[in-house]
Amino acid sequence: MAKEKNENNETPVQPAKNVEKELLDALEALKNEYAALGKTLEDTKAELNARNDSYVRITAEYENYRERTAAEKAATYAEAYAGAAELFLPMADALERASELAPEDKGVDALRKQLSDIFGRLGITEIESDGKPFDPELHNAIQHEDDETQPESTVVQTFQRGYRLGDKVIRHAMVKVVN
């Protein structure tokens, strides 16, 4: 094969016909080699699709696993917060009773407010009860009263405050309900 030189006489350049012939020869050699392996193009495409499907499934399974473990981690933290808060509820009750017995004591009020602020930072909220409709998910009715002036199934008195963390009830409110 005669090779031509470019205008700078540095790099040999082959005519386009020769390059095309070499590419066709190389392609034919690859086809023969591929045929010697005993696979067809359709077999290879099917294998590629199967591997791609497997990859997509594995990726989806990993994403589901990641989301599931993140949800489990969040639930574990919520359980831990709820468990820790439950230990402080007797103190909250005692501070509430002390505040009722000595309303002028600024120290008790300061402690009660500080505990309430800590609960707030943890996302723990008090369950509203007085004047609200009775909800067995939030309230524990320990006393019933008949009163025609009040709407039916209304909480009229809270004996012990209830608390929750998000949607999870830490302690139900103990209440008196009007029927």
N, C-alpha and C. Protein backbone atom coordinates (compact mmCIF):
# COMPACT_ATOMS: atom_id res chain seq x y z
N MET A 1 0.82 -1.17 0.00
CA MET A 1 0.00 0.00 0.00
C MET A 1 0.87 1.24 0.00
N ALA A 2 0.53 2.12 -0.84
CA ALA A 2 1.28 3.36 -0.91
C ALA A 2 0.65 4.35 0.04
N LYS A 3 1.48 4.96 0.84
CA LYS A 3 1.00 5.95 1.79
C LYS A 3 1.37 7.32 1.29
N GLU A 4 0.42 8.22 1.43
CA GLU A 4 0.69 9.60 1.04
C GLU A 4 1.13 10.37 2.26
N LYS A 5 1.85 11.45 2.03
CA LYS A 5 2.28 12.29 3.13
C LYS A 5 1.50 13.58 3.08
N ASN A 6 1.27 14.14 4.23
CA ASN A 6 0.54 15.40 4.26
C ASN A 6 1.46 16.53 3.85
N GLU A 7 0.95 17.77 3.83
CA GLU A 7 1.72 18.89 3.31
C GLU A 7 2.99 19.17 4.10
N ASN A 8 3.07 18.82 5.37
CA ASN A 8 4.29 19.05 6.17
C ASN A 8 5.25 17.87 6.07
N ASN A 9 4.88 16.83 5.36
CA ASN A 9 5.68 15.62 5.21
C ASN A 9 6.01 14.97 6.55
N GLU A 10 5.07 15.06 7.52
CA GLU A 10 5.35 14.50 8.85
C GLU A 10 4.58 13.21 9.11
N THR A 11 3.27 13.22 8.93
CA THR A 11 2.44 12.07 9.28
C THR A 11 1.88 11.46 8.01
N PRO A 12 2.04 10.13 7.87
CA PRO A 12 1.48 9.50 6.67
C PRO A 12 -0.04 9.48 6.74
N VAL A 13 -0.69 9.75 5.63
CA VAL A 13 -2.14 9.76 5.55
C VAL A 13 -2.55 8.73 4.51
N GLN A 14 -3.50 7.84 4.86
CA GLN A 14 -3.97 6.83 3.92
C GLN A 14 -5.16 7.37 3.15
N PRO A 15 -5.31 6.98 1.94
CA PRO A 15 -6.50 7.40 1.21
C PRO A 15 -7.74 6.80 1.86
N ALA A 16 -8.88 7.45 1.72
CA ALA A 16 -10.13 7.05 2.35
C ALA A 16 -10.54 5.64 1.95
N LYS A 17 -10.26 5.23 0.71
CA LYS A 17 -10.62 3.87 0.27
C LYS A 17 -9.89 2.82 1.08
N ASN A 18 -8.62 3.05 1.34
CA ASN A 18 -7.84 2.08 2.11
C ASN A 18 -8.35 1.98 3.56
N VAL A 19 -8.69 3.11 4.15
CA VAL A 19 -9.18 3.12 5.53
C VAL A 19 -10.50 2.38 5.61
N GLU A 20 -11.38 2.61 4.66
CA GLU A 20 -12.67 1.96 4.64
C GLU A 20 -12.50 0.45 4.49
N LYS A 21 -11.60 0.03 3.63
CA LYS A 21 -11.36 -1.40 3.43
C LYS A 21 -10.81 -2.03 4.71
N GLU A 22 -9.88 -1.35 5.38
CA GLU A 22 -9.33 -1.89 6.63
C GLU A 22 -10.41 -2.02 7.70
N LEU A 23 -11.31 -1.03 7.80
CA LEU A 23 -12.39 -1.10 8.78
C LEU A 23 -13.35 -2.25 8.47
N LEU A 24 -13.66 -2.44 7.22
CA LEU A 24 -14.54 -3.55 6.84
C LEU A 24 -13.88 -4.89 7.12
N ASP A 25 -12.57 -4.99 6.85
CA ASP A 25 -11.84 -6.22 7.15
C ASP A 25 -11.83 -6.49 8.66
N ALA A 26 -11.62 -5.44 9.46
CA ALA A 26 -11.60 -5.58 10.92
C ALA A 26 -12.98 -6.01 11.43
N LEU A 27 -14.04 -5.41 10.86
CA LEU A 27 -15.39 -5.77 11.24
C LEU A 27 -15.69 -7.22 10.91
N GLU A 28 -15.25 -7.65 9.74
CA GLU A 28 -15.45 -9.04 9.33
C GLU A 28 -14.69 -9.99 10.24
N ALA A 29 -13.48 -9.60 10.65
CA ALA A 29 -12.69 -10.43 11.56
C ALA A 29 -13.38 -10.55 12.91
N LEU A 30 -13.97 -9.42 13.40
CA LEU A 30 -14.69 -9.45 14.67
C LEU A 30 -15.93 -10.33 14.58
N LYS A 31 -16.65 -10.26 13.46
CA LYS A 31 -17.83 -11.11 13.27
C LYS A 31 -17.45 -12.58 13.29
N ASN A 32 -16.33 -12.91 12.59
CA ASN A 32 -15.87 -14.31 12.56
C ASN A 32 -15.46 -14.77 13.95
N GLU A 33 -14.75 -13.91 14.68
CA GLU A 33 -14.32 -14.25 16.04
C GLU A 33 -15.54 -14.43 16.94
N TYR A 34 -16.51 -13.56 16.80
CA TYR A 34 -17.73 -13.62 17.59
C TYR A 34 -18.52 -14.89 17.27
N ALA A 35 -18.60 -15.23 16.01
CA ALA A 35 -19.30 -16.44 15.59
C ALA A 35 -18.60 -17.68 16.13
N ALA A 36 -17.27 -17.63 16.23
CA ALA A 36 -16.51 -18.76 16.76
C ALA A 36 -16.85 -19.00 18.24
N LEU A 37 -17.28 -17.95 18.93
CA LEU A 37 -17.68 -18.10 20.33
C LEU A 37 -19.03 -18.79 20.47
N GLY A 38 -19.79 -18.88 19.41
CA GLY A 38 -21.06 -19.58 19.44
C GLY A 38 -22.21 -18.71 19.90
N LYS A 39 -22.07 -17.39 19.87
CA LYS A 39 -23.14 -16.50 20.29
C LYS A 39 -23.60 -15.68 19.10
N THR A 40 -24.87 -15.37 19.16
CA THR A 40 -25.41 -14.48 18.13
C THR A 40 -25.57 -13.10 18.74
N LEU A 41 -25.82 -12.15 17.91
CA LEU A 41 -26.03 -10.79 18.38
C LEU A 41 -27.28 -10.73 19.27
N GLU A 42 -28.29 -11.48 18.92
CA GLU A 42 -29.52 -11.51 19.72
C GLU A 42 -29.25 -12.09 21.11
N ASP A 43 -28.39 -13.14 21.17
CA ASP A 43 -28.03 -13.71 22.48
C ASP A 43 -27.34 -12.66 23.33
N THR A 44 -26.44 -11.93 22.74
CA THR A 44 -25.70 -10.90 23.48
C THR A 44 -26.63 -9.79 23.95
N LYS A 45 -27.56 -9.38 23.08
CA LYS A 45 -28.52 -8.35 23.47
C LYS A 45 -29.39 -8.84 24.63
N ALA A 46 -29.82 -10.09 24.58
CA ALA A 46 -30.64 -10.65 25.65
C ALA A 46 -29.86 -10.70 26.96
N GLU A 47 -28.59 -11.10 26.88
CA GLU A 47 -27.74 -11.14 28.07
C GLU A 47 -27.54 -9.73 28.64
N LEU A 48 -27.32 -8.76 27.77
CA LEU A 48 -27.15 -7.37 28.19
C LEU A 48 -28.42 -6.86 28.86
N ASN A 49 -29.59 -7.15 28.28
CA ASN A 49 -30.85 -6.73 28.88
C ASN A 49 -31.07 -7.38 30.24
N ALA A 50 -30.71 -8.67 30.35
CA ALA A 50 -30.86 -9.37 31.63
C ALA A 50 -29.97 -8.73 32.70
N ARG A 51 -28.74 -8.41 32.33
CA ARG A 51 -27.83 -7.77 33.29
C ARG A 51 -28.30 -6.37 33.65
N ASN A 52 -28.84 -5.66 32.68
CA ASN A 52 -29.36 -4.32 32.94
C ASN A 52 -30.56 -4.40 33.89
N ASP A 53 -31.46 -5.36 33.66
CA ASP A 53 -32.60 -5.55 34.56
C ASP A 53 -32.13 -5.89 35.97
N SER A 54 -31.14 -6.74 36.06
CA SER A 54 -30.58 -7.09 37.37
C SER A 54 -30.01 -5.86 38.06
N TYR A 55 -29.31 -5.05 37.32
CA TYR A 55 -28.73 -3.82 37.87
C TYR A 55 -29.83 -2.89 38.38
N VAL A 56 -30.91 -2.72 37.59
CA VAL A 56 -32.01 -1.85 37.98
C VAL A 56 -32.67 -2.38 39.25
N ARG A 57 -32.87 -3.71 39.33
CA ARG A 57 -33.48 -4.31 40.54
C ARG A 57 -32.60 -4.10 41.77
N ILE A 58 -31.32 -4.32 41.61
CA ILE A 58 -30.40 -4.16 42.74
C ILE A 58 -30.39 -2.71 43.21
N THR A 59 -30.39 -1.79 42.26
CA THR A 59 -30.41 -0.38 42.61
C THR A 59 -31.70 -0.03 43.36
N ALA A 60 -32.85 -0.54 42.89
CA ALA A 60 -34.12 -0.28 43.56
C ALA A 60 -34.15 -0.91 44.96
N GLU A 61 -33.63 -2.12 45.08
CA GLU A 61 -33.58 -2.78 46.39
C GLU A 61 -32.72 -1.99 47.36
N TYR A 62 -31.60 -1.48 46.88
CA TYR A 62 -30.73 -0.68 47.75
C TYR A 62 -31.43 0.60 48.19
N GLU A 63 -32.13 1.26 47.28
CA GLU A 63 -32.85 2.49 47.61
C GLU A 63 -33.94 2.20 48.65
N ASN A 64 -34.67 1.10 48.46
CA ASN A 64 -35.69 0.70 49.45
C ASN A 64 -35.05 0.41 50.80
N TYR A 65 -33.93 -0.29 50.79
CA TYR A 65 -33.21 -0.59 52.04
C TYR A 65 -32.79 0.70 52.74
N ARG A 66 -32.27 1.65 51.97
CA ARG A 66 -31.81 2.91 52.54
C ARG A 66 -32.98 3.68 53.17
N GLU A 67 -34.11 3.74 52.48
CA GLU A 67 -35.28 4.43 53.01
C GLU A 67 -35.82 3.71 54.24
N ARG A 68 -35.86 2.38 54.20
CA ARG A 68 -36.37 1.62 55.34
C ARG A 68 -35.50 1.82 56.57
N THR A 69 -34.18 1.77 56.41
CA THR A 69 -33.31 1.96 57.57
C THR A 69 -33.38 3.39 58.10
N ALA A 70 -33.58 4.37 57.22
CA ALA A 70 -33.73 5.75 57.68
C ALA A 70 -35.02 5.88 58.51
N ALA A 71 -36.10 5.24 58.07
CA ALA A 71 -37.36 5.28 58.82
C ALA A 71 -37.21 4.55 60.15
N GLU A 72 -36.52 3.42 60.16
CA GLU A 72 -36.29 2.69 61.41
C GLU A 72 -35.45 3.51 62.38
N LYS A 73 -34.46 4.21 61.85
CA LYS A 73 -33.61 5.06 62.69
C LYS A 73 -34.43 6.18 63.32
N ALA A 74 -35.29 6.82 62.53
CA ALA A 74 -36.14 7.89 63.04
C ALA A 74 -37.08 7.35 64.12
N ALA A 75 -37.66 6.17 63.88
CA ALA A 75 -38.56 5.57 64.87
C ALA A 75 -37.82 5.23 66.15
N THR A 76 -36.58 4.78 66.03
CA THR A 76 -35.79 4.45 67.21
C THR A 76 -35.51 5.70 68.04
N TYR A 77 -35.17 6.81 67.36
CA TYR A 77 -34.95 8.07 68.07
C TYR A 77 -36.23 8.53 68.76
N ALA A 78 -37.36 8.41 68.08
CA ALA A 78 -38.63 8.83 68.67
C ALA A 78 -38.94 7.99 69.91
N GLU A 79 -38.70 6.68 69.83
CA GLU A 79 -38.92 5.81 70.99
C GLU A 79 -38.00 6.21 72.16
N ALA A 80 -36.75 6.53 71.83
CA ALA A 80 -35.80 6.92 72.88
C ALA A 80 -36.24 8.23 73.54
N TYR A 81 -36.65 9.23 72.71
CA TYR A 81 -37.12 10.50 73.27
C TYR A 81 -38.35 10.28 74.14
N ALA A 82 -39.28 9.46 73.65
CA ALA A 82 -40.51 9.20 74.40
C ALA A 82 -40.19 8.50 75.72
N GLY A 83 -39.27 7.55 75.68
CA GLY A 83 -38.88 6.84 76.91
C GLY A 83 -38.21 7.76 77.92
N ALA A 84 -37.35 8.65 77.43
CA ALA A 84 -36.68 9.60 78.34
C ALA A 84 -37.69 10.59 78.90
N ALA A 85 -38.59 11.07 78.06
CA ALA A 85 -39.59 12.04 78.52
C ALA A 85 -40.51 11.42 79.55
N GLU A 86 -40.82 10.16 79.37
CA GLU A 86 -41.70 9.47 80.31
C GLU A 86 -41.11 9.47 81.73
N LEU A 87 -39.80 9.44 81.83
CA LEU A 87 -39.15 9.47 83.13
C LEU A 87 -39.29 10.84 83.81
N PHE A 88 -39.48 11.90 83.01
CA PHE A 88 -39.61 13.24 83.57
C PHE A 88 -41.05 13.64 83.87
N LEU A 89 -42.01 12.84 83.46
CA LEU A 89 -43.42 13.20 83.66
C LEU A 89 -43.81 13.29 85.14
N PRO A 90 -43.34 12.43 86.02
CA PRO A 90 -43.66 12.61 87.44
C PRO A 90 -43.15 13.96 87.98
N MET A 91 -42.00 14.42 87.48
CA MET A 91 -41.49 15.72 87.90
C MET A 91 -42.40 16.83 87.38
N ALA A 92 -42.86 16.71 86.15
CA ALA A 92 -43.78 17.71 85.58
C ALA A 92 -45.07 17.75 86.39
N ASP A 93 -45.58 16.58 86.80
CA ASP A 93 -46.80 16.53 87.61
C ASP A 93 -46.57 17.19 88.97
N ALA A 94 -45.44 16.89 89.58
CA ALA A 94 -45.12 17.47 90.89
C ALA A 94 -44.98 18.99 90.79
N LEU A 95 -44.34 19.48 89.77
CA LEU A 95 -44.20 20.93 89.59
C LEU A 95 -45.56 21.58 89.34
N GLU A 96 -46.43 20.89 88.64
CA GLU A 96 -47.79 21.41 88.39
C GLU A 96 -48.56 21.52 89.71
N ARG A 97 -48.49 20.47 90.53
CA ARG A 97 -49.19 20.49 91.82
C ARG A 97 -48.60 21.56 92.73
N ALA A 98 -47.27 21.69 92.74
CA ALA A 98 -46.62 22.71 93.57
C ALA A 98 -47.04 24.11 93.11
N SER A 99 -47.16 24.30 91.83
CA SER A 99 -47.58 25.60 91.30
C SER A 99 -49.02 25.91 91.71
N GLU A 100 -49.89 24.90 91.74
CA GLU A 100 -51.28 25.10 92.17
C GLU A 100 -51.36 25.40 93.66
N LEU A 101 -50.49 24.77 94.48
CA LEU A 101 -50.51 24.97 95.92
C LEU A 101 -49.88 26.31 96.33
N ALA A 102 -48.87 26.74 95.57
CA ALA A 102 -48.19 28.00 95.89
C ALA A 102 -48.06 28.83 94.62
N PRO A 103 -49.16 29.45 94.18
CA PRO A 103 -49.13 30.18 92.90
C PRO A 103 -48.18 31.38 92.91
N GLU A 104 -47.86 31.91 94.07
CA GLU A 104 -46.98 33.07 94.14
C GLU A 104 -45.49 32.70 94.13
N ASP A 105 -45.17 31.43 94.21
CA ASP A 105 -43.77 30.98 94.23
C ASP A 105 -43.18 31.05 92.81
N LYS A 106 -42.30 32.04 92.61
CA LYS A 106 -41.69 32.26 91.29
C LYS A 106 -40.69 31.15 90.94
N GLY A 107 -40.07 30.53 91.94
CA GLY A 107 -39.10 29.47 91.69
C GLY A 107 -39.75 28.24 91.06
N VAL A 108 -40.91 27.86 91.58
CA VAL A 108 -41.63 26.71 91.04
C VAL A 108 -42.07 27.00 89.61
N ASP A 109 -42.58 28.23 89.40
CA ASP A 109 -43.00 28.60 88.04
C ASP A 109 -41.83 28.59 87.06
N ALA A 110 -40.66 29.03 87.52
CA ALA A 110 -39.47 29.04 86.66
C ALA A 110 -39.07 27.61 86.30
N LEU A 111 -39.10 26.71 87.28
CA LEU A 111 -38.76 25.31 87.02
C LEU A 111 -39.77 24.67 86.06
N ARG A 112 -41.07 24.96 86.28
CA ARG A 112 -42.10 24.42 85.39
C ARG A 112 -41.91 24.92 83.96
N LYS A 113 -41.60 26.19 83.82
CA LYS A 113 -41.38 26.76 82.49
C LYS A 113 -40.13 26.16 81.84
N GLN A 114 -39.09 25.96 82.62
CA GLN A 114 -37.86 25.38 82.07
C GLN A 114 -38.10 23.95 81.58
N LEU A 115 -38.82 23.15 82.34
CA LEU A 115 -39.14 21.79 81.92
C LEU A 115 -40.03 21.81 80.67
N SER A 116 -40.97 22.73 80.63
CA SER A 116 -41.83 22.86 79.45
C SER A 116 -41.02 23.26 78.22
N ASP A 117 -40.02 24.13 78.38
CA ASP A 117 -39.16 24.52 77.26
C ASP A 117 -38.33 23.34 76.76
N ILE A 118 -37.84 22.53 77.69
CA ILE A 118 -37.06 21.34 77.31
C ILE A 118 -37.94 20.38 76.52
N PHE A 119 -39.17 20.16 77.01
CA PHE A 119 -40.10 19.30 76.28
C PHE A 119 -40.34 19.87 74.88
N GLY A 120 -40.50 21.18 74.79
CA GLY A 120 -40.73 21.81 73.49
C GLY A 120 -39.58 21.60 72.53
N ARG A 121 -38.35 21.72 73.01
CA ARG A 121 -37.18 21.49 72.15
C ARG A 121 -37.09 20.04 71.69
N LEU A 122 -37.59 19.12 72.49
CA LEU A 122 -37.59 17.71 72.11
C LEU A 122 -38.78 17.36 71.22
N GLY A 123 -39.70 18.31 71.03
CA GLY A 123 -40.87 18.05 70.20
C GLY A 123 -42.01 17.40 70.97
N ILE A 124 -41.94 17.46 72.29
CA ILE A 124 -42.98 16.85 73.13
C ILE A 124 -44.00 17.92 73.46
N THR A 125 -45.26 17.64 73.15
CA THR A 125 -46.32 18.62 73.39
C THR A 125 -47.35 18.05 74.36
N GLU A 126 -48.02 18.98 75.04
CA GLU A 126 -49.08 18.61 75.96
C GLU A 126 -50.35 18.33 75.16
N ILE A 127 -51.10 17.34 75.55
CA ILE A 127 -52.37 17.03 74.90
C ILE A 127 -53.42 17.98 75.47
N GLU A 128 -54.04 18.75 74.59
CA GLU A 128 -55.09 19.67 75.02
C GLU A 128 -56.33 18.86 75.37
N SER A 129 -56.94 19.21 76.49
CA SER A 129 -58.07 18.39 76.95
C SER A 129 -59.30 19.20 77.29
N ASP A 130 -59.22 20.11 78.24
CA ASP A 130 -60.40 20.81 78.74
C ASP A 130 -61.14 21.51 77.62
N GLY A 131 -62.45 21.21 77.53
CA GLY A 131 -63.30 21.82 76.53
C GLY A 131 -63.23 21.14 75.17
N LYS A 132 -62.38 20.18 75.01
CA LYS A 132 -62.21 19.48 73.73
C LYS A 132 -63.08 18.23 73.71
N PRO A 133 -63.44 17.75 72.51
CA PRO A 133 -64.18 16.48 72.42
C PRO A 133 -63.30 15.32 72.92
N PHE A 134 -63.94 14.38 73.57
CA PHE A 134 -63.21 13.21 74.07
C PHE A 134 -62.68 12.39 72.90
N ASP A 135 -61.40 12.05 72.97
CA ASP A 135 -60.75 11.23 71.94
C ASP A 135 -60.04 10.08 72.66
N PRO A 136 -60.52 8.84 72.48
CA PRO A 136 -59.90 7.72 73.20
C PRO A 136 -58.44 7.48 72.81
N GLU A 137 -58.01 8.05 71.68
CA GLU A 137 -56.60 7.93 71.28
C GLU A 137 -55.71 8.82 72.15
N LEU A 138 -56.31 9.89 72.72
CA LEU A 138 -55.53 10.86 73.50
C LEU A 138 -55.91 10.91 74.97
N HIS A 139 -57.15 10.57 75.27
CA HIS A 139 -57.67 10.73 76.64
C HIS A 139 -58.01 9.39 77.27
N ASN A 140 -57.90 9.36 78.59
CA ASN A 140 -58.32 8.21 79.38
C ASN A 140 -59.40 8.73 80.32
N ALA A 141 -60.65 8.38 80.06
CA ALA A 141 -61.77 8.87 80.88
C ALA A 141 -61.81 8.07 82.18
N ILE A 142 -61.61 8.77 83.28
CA ILE A 142 -61.65 8.08 84.57
C ILE A 142 -62.88 8.48 85.38
N GLN A 143 -63.63 9.46 84.85
CA GLN A 143 -64.86 9.87 85.53
C GLN A 143 -65.84 10.38 84.48
N HIS A 144 -67.12 10.03 84.69
CA HIS A 144 -68.19 10.49 83.80
C HIS A 144 -69.17 11.32 84.61
N GLU A 145 -69.78 12.28 83.94
CA GLU A 145 -70.74 13.15 84.61
C GLU A 145 -71.85 13.49 83.62
N ASP A 146 -73.07 13.58 84.11
CA ASP A 146 -74.19 14.01 83.27
C ASP A 146 -74.38 15.50 83.47
N ASP A 147 -74.37 16.25 82.37
CA ASP A 147 -74.57 17.70 82.41
C ASP A 147 -75.21 18.09 81.09
N GLU A 148 -76.46 18.51 81.15
CA GLU A 148 -77.20 18.85 79.95
C GLU A 148 -76.71 20.15 79.31
N THR A 149 -75.99 20.97 80.05
CA THR A 149 -75.53 22.26 79.50
C THR A 149 -74.29 22.12 78.63
N GLN A 150 -73.60 21.00 78.74
CA GLN A 150 -72.37 20.76 77.98
C GLN A 150 -72.66 19.86 76.78
N PRO A 151 -71.91 20.04 75.67
CA PRO A 151 -72.06 19.10 74.55
C PRO A 151 -71.64 17.69 74.97
N GLU A 152 -72.24 16.69 74.32
CA GLU A 152 -71.97 15.30 74.67
C GLU A 152 -70.52 14.93 74.36
N SER A 153 -69.94 14.08 75.19
CA SER A 153 -68.57 13.58 75.07
C SER A 153 -67.54 14.70 75.02
N THR A 154 -67.68 15.63 75.95
CA THR A 154 -66.74 16.74 76.06
C THR A 154 -65.94 16.57 77.34
N VAL A 155 -64.66 16.86 77.27
CA VAL A 155 -63.80 16.81 78.44
C VAL A 155 -64.04 18.09 79.25
N VAL A 156 -64.39 17.92 80.53
CA VAL A 156 -64.66 19.09 81.36
C VAL A 156 -63.58 19.32 82.42
N GLN A 157 -62.78 18.30 82.72
CA GLN A 157 -61.73 18.48 83.72
C GLN A 157 -60.59 17.52 83.43
N THR A 158 -59.36 18.02 83.59
CA THR A 158 -58.17 17.19 83.39
C THR A 158 -57.56 16.91 84.76
N PHE A 159 -57.44 15.64 85.08
CA PHE A 159 -56.84 15.26 86.37
C PHE A 159 -55.32 15.11 86.24
N GLN A 160 -54.88 14.61 85.11
CA GLN A 160 -53.45 14.45 84.86
C GLN A 160 -53.20 14.75 83.38
N ARG A 161 -52.24 15.62 83.14
CA ARG A 161 -51.96 16.03 81.76
C ARG A 161 -51.37 14.87 80.95
N GLY A 162 -51.71 14.89 79.68
CA GLY A 162 -51.16 13.90 78.76
C GLY A 162 -50.13 14.56 77.86
N TYR A 163 -49.22 13.75 77.33
CA TYR A 163 -48.15 14.27 76.47
C TYR A 163 -47.97 13.36 75.27
N ARG A 164 -47.49 13.97 74.18
CA ARG A 164 -47.20 13.18 72.99
C ARG A 164 -45.98 13.75 72.28
N LEU A 165 -45.38 12.88 71.50
CA LEU A 165 -44.23 13.24 70.67
C LEU A 165 -44.66 13.02 69.24
N GLY A 166 -44.94 14.10 68.52
CA GLY A 166 -45.48 13.96 67.17
C GLY A 166 -46.84 13.30 67.25
N ASP A 167 -47.01 12.16 66.61
CA ASP A 167 -48.27 11.42 66.64
C ASP A 167 -48.29 10.35 67.73
N LYS A 168 -47.13 10.10 68.34
CA LYS A 168 -47.04 9.05 69.37
C LYS A 168 -47.43 9.60 70.74
N VAL A 169 -48.40 8.96 71.36
CA VAL A 169 -48.83 9.36 72.69
C VAL A 169 -47.87 8.77 73.72
N ILE A 170 -47.27 9.65 74.51
CA ILE A 170 -46.37 9.19 75.58
C ILE A 170 -47.18 8.79 76.80
N ARG A 171 -48.17 9.65 77.15
CA ARG A 171 -49.07 9.34 78.26
C ARG A 171 -50.43 9.96 77.93
N HIS A 172 -51.48 9.16 78.08
CA HIS A 172 -52.84 9.67 77.84
C HIS A 172 -53.22 10.64 78.96
N ALA A 173 -54.01 11.64 78.62
CA ALA A 173 -54.53 12.57 79.63
C ALA A 173 -55.65 11.89 80.39
N MET A 174 -55.63 12.00 81.72
CA MET A 174 -56.70 11.43 82.54
C MET A 174 -57.73 12.53 82.76
N VAL A 175 -58.97 12.24 82.33
CA VAL A 175 -59.97 13.32 82.28
C VAL A 175 -61.34 12.89 82.79
N LYS A 176 -62.19 13.92 83.05
CA LYS A 176 -63.60 13.72 83.36
C LYS A 176 -64.36 14.11 82.10
N VAL A 177 -65.34 13.26 81.70
CA VAL A 177 -66.08 13.47 80.48
C VAL A 177 -67.56 13.64 80.80
N VAL A 178 -68.20 14.56 80.07
CA VAL A 178 -69.63 14.78 80.20
C VAL A 178 -70.35 13.96 79.14
N ASN A 179 -71.40 13.22 79.56
CA ASN A 179 -72.23 12.44 78.64
C ASN A 179 -73.60 13.06 78.52
